[in-house]
C-alpha atoms as a PDB file:
ATOM      1  CA  UNK A   1     118.693 109.859 104.061  1.00  0.00           C
ATOM      2  CA  UNK A   2     115.712 110.362 101.817  1.00  0.00           C
ATOM      3  CA  UNK A   3     114.966 107.884  99.027  1.00  0.00           C
ATOM      4  CA  UNK A   4     112.849 108.212  95.921  1.00  0.00           C
ATOM      5  CA  UNK A   5     110.349 105.438  95.196  1.00  0.00           C
ATOM      6  CA  UNK A   6     112.644 103.963  92.544  1.00  0.00           C
ATOM      7  CA  UNK A   7     115.514 103.898  95.046  1.00  0.00           C
ATOM      8  CA  UNK A   8     113.374 101.855  97.459  1.00  0.00           C
ATOM      9  CA  UNK A   9     112.739  99.346  94.683  1.00  0.00           C
ATOM     10  CA  UNK A  10     116.446  99.139  93.832  1.00  0.00           C
ATOM     11  CA  UNK A  11     117.427  98.737  97.481  1.00  0.00           C
ATOM     12  CA  UNK A  12     114.631  96.214  98.147  1.00  0.00           C
ATOM     13  CA  UNK A  13     113.426  98.470 100.962  1.00  0.00           C
ATOM     14  CA  UNK A  14     109.722  98.872 101.677  1.00  0.00           C
ATOM     15  CA  UNK A  15     108.258 102.312 101.141  1.00  0.00           C
ATOM     16  CA  UNK A  16     107.765 103.908 104.588  1.00  0.00           C
ATOM     17  CA  UNK A  17     104.275 104.346 106.004  1.00  0.00           C
ATOM     18  CA  UNK A  18     102.616 107.697 105.510  1.00  0.00           C
ATOM     19  CA  UNK A  19     100.934 109.856 108.121  1.00  0.00           C
ATOM     20  CA  UNK A  20      97.213 110.519 107.971  1.00  0.00           C
ATOM     21  CA  UNK A  21      97.881 114.076 106.776  1.00  0.00           C
ATOM     22  CA  UNK A  22     100.076 112.956 103.873  1.00  0.00           C
ATOM     23  CA  UNK A  23      97.605 110.282 102.776  1.00  0.00           C
ATOM     24  CA  UNK A  24      94.868 112.921 102.775  1.00  0.00           C
ATOM     25  CA  UNK A  25      97.139 115.470 101.080  1.00  0.00           C
ATOM     26  CA  UNK A  26      98.068 113.060  98.280  1.00  0.00           C
ATOM     27  CA  UNK A  27      94.412 112.401  97.553  1.00  0.00           C
ATOM     28  CA  UNK A  28      93.345 116.063  97.748  1.00  0.00           C
ATOM     29  CA  UNK A  29      96.368 117.964  96.405  1.00  0.00           C
ATOM     30  CA  UNK A  30      94.677 118.956  93.116  1.00  0.00           C
ATOM     31  CA  UNK A  31      91.859 120.650  95.034  1.00  0.00           C
ATOM     32  CA  UNK A  32      94.320 123.195  96.454  1.00  0.00           C
ATOM     33  CA  UNK A  33      96.488 123.814  93.404  1.00  0.00           C
ATOM     34  CA  UNK A  34      96.016 126.941  91.329  1.00  0.00           C
ATOM     35  CA  UNK A  35      98.291 128.039  88.463  1.00  0.00           C
ATOM     36  CA  UNK A  36     101.346 129.868  89.736  1.00  0.00           C
ATOM     37  CA  UNK A  37     101.257 128.319  93.205  1.00  0.00           C
ATOM     38  CA  UNK A  38     104.402 126.802  94.636  1.00  0.00           C
ATOM     39  CA  UNK A  39     104.410 123.456  96.433  1.00  0.00           C
ATOM     40  CA  UNK A  40     104.798 125.418  99.673  1.00  0.00           C
ATOM     41  CA  UNK A  41     101.660 127.442  98.878  1.00  0.00           C
ATOM     42  CA  UNK A  42      99.707 124.263  98.155  1.00  0.00           C
ATOM     43  CA  UNK A  43     100.948 122.688 101.396  1.00  0.00           C
ATOM     44  CA  UNK A  44      99.971 125.785 103.409  1.00  0.00           C
ATOM     45  CA  UNK A  45      96.468 125.815 101.931  1.00  0.00           C
ATOM     46  CA  UNK A  46      96.052 122.096 102.551  1.00  0.00           C
ATOM     47  CA  UNK A  47      97.410 122.400 106.087  1.00  0.00           C
ATOM     48  CA  UNK A  48      94.890 125.116 106.891  1.00  0.00           C
ATOM     49  CA  UNK A  49      92.077 122.920 105.562  1.00  0.00           C
ATOM     50  CA  UNK A  50      93.371 119.931 107.588  1.00  0.00           C
ATOM     51  CA  UNK A  51      93.392 121.988 110.790  1.00  0.00           C
ATOM     52  CA  UNK A  52      89.735 122.970 110.202  1.00  0.00           C
ATOM     53  CA  UNK A  53      88.686 119.391 109.456  1.00  0.00           C
ATOM     54  CA  UNK A  54      86.519 117.678 112.112  1.00  0.00           C
ATOM     55  CA  UNK A  55      88.273 115.022 114.180  1.00  0.00           C
ATOM     56  CA  UNK A  56      85.781 112.432 112.926  1.00  0.00           C
ATOM     57  CA  UNK A  57      86.992 113.025 109.357  1.00  0.00           C
ATOM     58  CA  UNK A  58      90.647 112.968 110.423  1.00  0.00           C
ATOM     59  CA  UNK A  59      89.990 109.637 112.173  1.00  0.00           C
ATOM     60  CA  UNK A  60      89.163 108.036 108.803  1.00  0.00           C
ATOM     61  CA  UNK A  61      92.590 109.055 107.536  1.00  0.00           C
ATOM     62  CA  UNK A  62      94.144 107.927 110.813  1.00  0.00           C
ATOM     63  CA  UNK A  63      92.745 104.444 110.169  1.00  0.00           C
ATOM     64  CA  UNK A  64      94.252 104.422 106.680  1.00  0.00           C
ATOM     65  CA  UNK A  65      97.577 105.513 108.183  1.00  0.00           C
ATOM     66  CA  UNK A  66      97.417 102.690 110.748  1.00  0.00           C
ATOM     67  CA  UNK A  67      96.807 100.208 107.918  1.00  0.00           C
ATOM     68  CA  UNK A  68      99.791 101.636 106.036  1.00  0.00           C
ATOM     69  CA  UNK A  69     101.956 101.246 109.154  1.00  0.00           C
ATOM     70  CA  UNK A  70     100.914  97.587 109.347  1.00  0.00           C
ATOM     71  CA  UNK A  71     101.810  97.151 105.668  1.00  0.00           C
ATOM     72  CA  UNK A  72     105.209  98.723 106.249  1.00  0.00           C
ATOM     73  CA  UNK A  73     105.921  96.560 109.310  1.00  0.00           C
ATOM     74  CA  UNK A  74     104.983  93.415 107.369  1.00  0.00           C
ATOM     75  CA  UNK A  75     107.093  94.357 104.337  1.00  0.00           C
ATOM     76  CA  UNK A  76     110.036  95.300 106.555  1.00  0.00           C
ATOM     77  CA  UNK A  77     109.811  91.971 108.362  1.00  0.00           C
ATOM     78  CA  UNK A  78     109.735  90.112 105.038  1.00  0.00           C
ATOM     79  CA  UNK A  79     112.697  92.118 103.740  1.00  0.00           C
ATOM     80  CA  UNK A  80     114.763  91.361 106.847  1.00  0.00           C
ATOM     81  CA  UNK A  81     113.861  87.688 106.541  1.00  0.00           C
ATOM     82  CA  UNK A  82     115.093  87.654 102.933  1.00  0.00           C
ATOM     83  CA  UNK A  83     118.317  89.395 103.946  1.00  0.00           C
ATOM     84  CA  UNK A  84     118.881  86.915 106.758  1.00  0.00           C
ATOM     85  CA  UNK A  85     118.313  83.974 104.391  1.00  0.00           C
ATOM     86  CA  UNK A  86     120.797  85.451 101.911  1.00  0.00           C
ATOM     87  CA  UNK A  87     123.579  85.614 104.515  1.00  0.00           C
END
């Protein structure tokens, strides 16, 4: 089941980690948007750019993704600890 950010806050669930592509996409989305484009069009344009990107550049985003995964694991552990204490 998919949750919006506000639903994660209400459920006390950590926001899941993002992939390197989505971190990059979120930071660069405006670069690909033109009036009249759908989200699918923007995603296609960004995906094409991502595929052309050198691996060295992708690695930078991979590192950010790894850091986000660590954040998620830590927050999930803390959340489970709080739930266990509440029982």
